[in-house]
C-alpha atoms as a PDB file:
ATOM      1  CA  UNK A   1       1.101  21.514  10.216  1.00  0.00           C
ATOM      2  CA  UNK A   2       1.238  19.464   6.992  1.00  0.00           C
ATOM      3  CA  UNK A   3       0.158  15.851   7.123  1.00  0.00           C
ATOM      4  CA  UNK A   4       2.091  12.996   5.534  1.00  0.00           C
ATOM      5  CA  UNK A   5      -1.099  10.993   5.093  1.00  0.00           C
ATOM      6  CA  UNK A   6      -1.954  10.218   1.478  1.00  0.00           C
ATOM      7  CA  UNK A   7      -5.135  11.437  -0.145  1.00  0.00           C
ATOM      8  CA  UNK A   8      -7.769   8.749   0.475  1.00  0.00           C
ATOM      9  CA  UNK A   9      -9.151   9.085  -3.054  1.00  0.00           C
ATOM     10  CA  UNK A  10      -5.747   8.247  -4.512  1.00  0.00           C
ATOM     11  CA  UNK A  11      -5.375   5.227  -2.253  1.00  0.00           C
ATOM     12  CA  UNK A  12      -8.900   4.047  -3.087  1.00  0.00           C
ATOM     13  CA  UNK A  13      -8.189   4.457  -6.814  1.00  0.00           C
ATOM     14  CA  UNK A  14      -5.129   2.212  -6.605  1.00  0.00           C
ATOM     15  CA  UNK A  15      -6.924  -0.307  -4.389  1.00  0.00           C
ATOM     16  CA  UNK A  16      -9.673  -0.574  -7.015  1.00  0.00           C
ATOM     17  CA  UNK A  17      -7.036  -1.176  -9.703  1.00  0.00           C
ATOM     18  CA  UNK A  18      -5.875  -4.258  -7.786  1.00  0.00           C
ATOM     19  CA  UNK A  19      -9.029  -5.974  -9.099  1.00  0.00           C
ATOM     20  CA  UNK A  20      -8.125  -5.413 -12.768  1.00  0.00           C
ATOM     21  CA  UNK A  21      -7.871  -8.523 -14.986  1.00  0.00           C
ATOM     22  CA  UNK A  22      -4.554  -7.291 -16.376  1.00  0.00           C
ATOM     23  CA  UNK A  23      -1.603  -8.246 -14.171  1.00  0.00           C
ATOM     24  CA  UNK A  24       0.384  -5.243 -15.451  1.00  0.00           C
ATOM     25  CA  UNK A  25      -2.311  -2.869 -14.169  1.00  0.00           C
ATOM     26  CA  UNK A  26      -2.271  -4.635 -10.794  1.00  0.00           C
ATOM     27  CA  UNK A  27       1.530  -4.405 -10.671  1.00  0.00           C
ATOM     28  CA  UNK A  28       1.397  -0.664 -11.387  1.00  0.00           C
ATOM     29  CA  UNK A  29      -1.207  -0.173  -8.646  1.00  0.00           C
ATOM     30  CA  UNK A  30       0.995  -2.126  -6.240  1.00  0.00           C
ATOM     31  CA  UNK A  31       4.005   0.052  -7.052  1.00  0.00           C
ATOM     32  CA  UNK A  32       1.933   3.177  -6.391  1.00  0.00           C
ATOM     33  CA  UNK A  33       0.536   1.823  -3.107  1.00  0.00           C
ATOM     34  CA  UNK A  34       4.095   1.030  -1.988  1.00  0.00           C
ATOM     35  CA  UNK A  35       4.716   4.784  -1.853  1.00  0.00           C
ATOM     36  CA  UNK A  36       1.663   5.585   0.259  1.00  0.00           C
ATOM     37  CA  UNK A  37       1.627   4.971   4.025  1.00  0.00           C
ATOM     38  CA  UNK A  38      -2.020   3.999   4.380  1.00  0.00           C
ATOM     39  CA  UNK A  39      -3.560   1.218   6.493  1.00  0.00           C
ATOM     40  CA  UNK A  40      -6.264   0.452   3.903  1.00  0.00           C
ATOM     41  CA  UNK A  41      -3.628   0.198   1.195  1.00  0.00           C
ATOM     42  CA  UNK A  42      -1.607  -2.117   3.422  1.00  0.00           C
ATOM     43  CA  UNK A  43      -4.642  -4.350   4.000  1.00  0.00           C
ATOM     44  CA  UNK A  44      -5.331  -4.457   0.246  1.00  0.00           C
ATOM     45  CA  UNK A  45      -1.721  -5.475  -0.424  1.00  0.00           C
ATOM     46  CA  UNK A  46      -2.046  -8.257   2.150  1.00  0.00           C
ATOM     47  CA  UNK A  47      -5.164  -9.500   0.379  1.00  0.00           C
ATOM     48  CA  UNK A  48      -3.402  -9.494  -3.001  1.00  0.00           C
ATOM     49  CA  UNK A  49      -0.445 -11.345  -1.490  1.00  0.00           C
ATOM     50  CA  UNK A  50      -2.773 -14.004  -0.074  1.00  0.00           C
ATOM     51  CA  UNK A  51      -5.174 -14.354  -3.006  1.00  0.00           C
ATOM     52  CA  UNK A  52      -3.848 -13.219  -6.393  1.00  0.00           C
ATOM     53  CA  UNK A  53      -3.438 -15.970  -9.002  1.00  0.00           C
ATOM     54  CA  UNK A  54      -0.280 -14.414 -10.476  1.00  0.00           C
ATOM     55  CA  UNK A  55       2.957 -15.257  -8.640  1.00  0.00           C
ATOM     56  CA  UNK A  56       4.705 -12.060  -9.821  1.00  0.00           C
ATOM     57  CA  UNK A  57       1.804  -9.948  -8.536  1.00  0.00           C
ATOM     58  CA  UNK A  58       1.878 -11.751  -5.171  1.00  0.00           C
ATOM     59  CA  UNK A  59       5.628 -11.180  -4.847  1.00  0.00           C
ATOM     60  CA  UNK A  60       5.248  -7.491  -5.718  1.00  0.00           C
ATOM     61  CA  UNK A  61       2.440  -7.161  -3.160  1.00  0.00           C
ATOM     62  CA  UNK A  62       4.632  -8.773  -0.511  1.00  0.00           C
ATOM     63  CA  UNK A  63       7.519  -6.380  -1.180  1.00  0.00           C
ATOM     64  CA  UNK A  64       5.212  -3.365  -1.323  1.00  0.00           C
ATOM     65  CA  UNK A  65       3.515  -4.471   1.877  1.00  0.00           C
ATOM     66  CA  UNK A  66       6.871  -4.488   3.660  1.00  0.00           C
ATOM     67  CA  UNK A  67       7.560  -0.940   2.465  1.00  0.00           C
ATOM     68  CA  UNK A  68       4.134   0.309   3.529  1.00  0.00           C
ATOM     69  CA  UNK A  69       4.466  -1.418   6.905  1.00  0.00           C
ATOM     70  CA  UNK A  70       7.767   0.382   7.511  1.00  0.00           C
ATOM     71  CA  UNK A  71       6.318   3.708   6.349  1.00  0.00           C
ATOM     72  CA  UNK A  72       3.363   3.300   8.707  1.00  0.00           C
ATOM     73  CA  UNK A  73       5.668   2.304  11.553  1.00  0.00           C
ATOM     74  CA  UNK A  74       7.854   5.364  10.923  1.00  0.00           C
ATOM     75  CA  UNK A  75       4.801   7.599  10.685  1.00  0.00           C
ATOM     76  CA  UNK A  76       3.499   6.310  14.024  1.00  0.00           C
ATOM     77  CA  UNK A  77       6.920   6.741  15.599  1.00  0.00           C
ATOM     78  CA  UNK A  78       7.093  10.333  14.348  1.00  0.00           C
ATOM     79  CA  UNK A  79       3.635  11.043  15.752  1.00  0.00           C
ATOM     80  CA  UNK A  80       4.556   9.531  19.108  1.00  0.00           C
ATOM     81  CA  UNK A  81       7.710  11.645  19.375  1.00  0.00           C
ATOM     82  CA  UNK A  82       5.816  14.816  18.452  1.00  0.00           C
ATOM     83  CA  UNK A  83       3.278  14.147  21.202  1.00  0.00           C
ATOM     84  CA  UNK A  84       5.955  14.197  23.901  1.00  0.00           C
END
């Protein structure tokens, strides 16, 4: 059975990019993490939302965090229904 979980190396790559000095690089990493239902990615987005100096980056992290939260919630719901 195929898993919907993202490759951890990809998630880790984008998480590392959140530390880049360039806000555009951080924004790109955020947009990529928004597509990946991963708890570590979600935690990294929360950290960016709480700590990044750039308001646009914080807003993007907030929006991406919402998307990831919903993806994780859906993923957990799908797993629960398949365990019945």
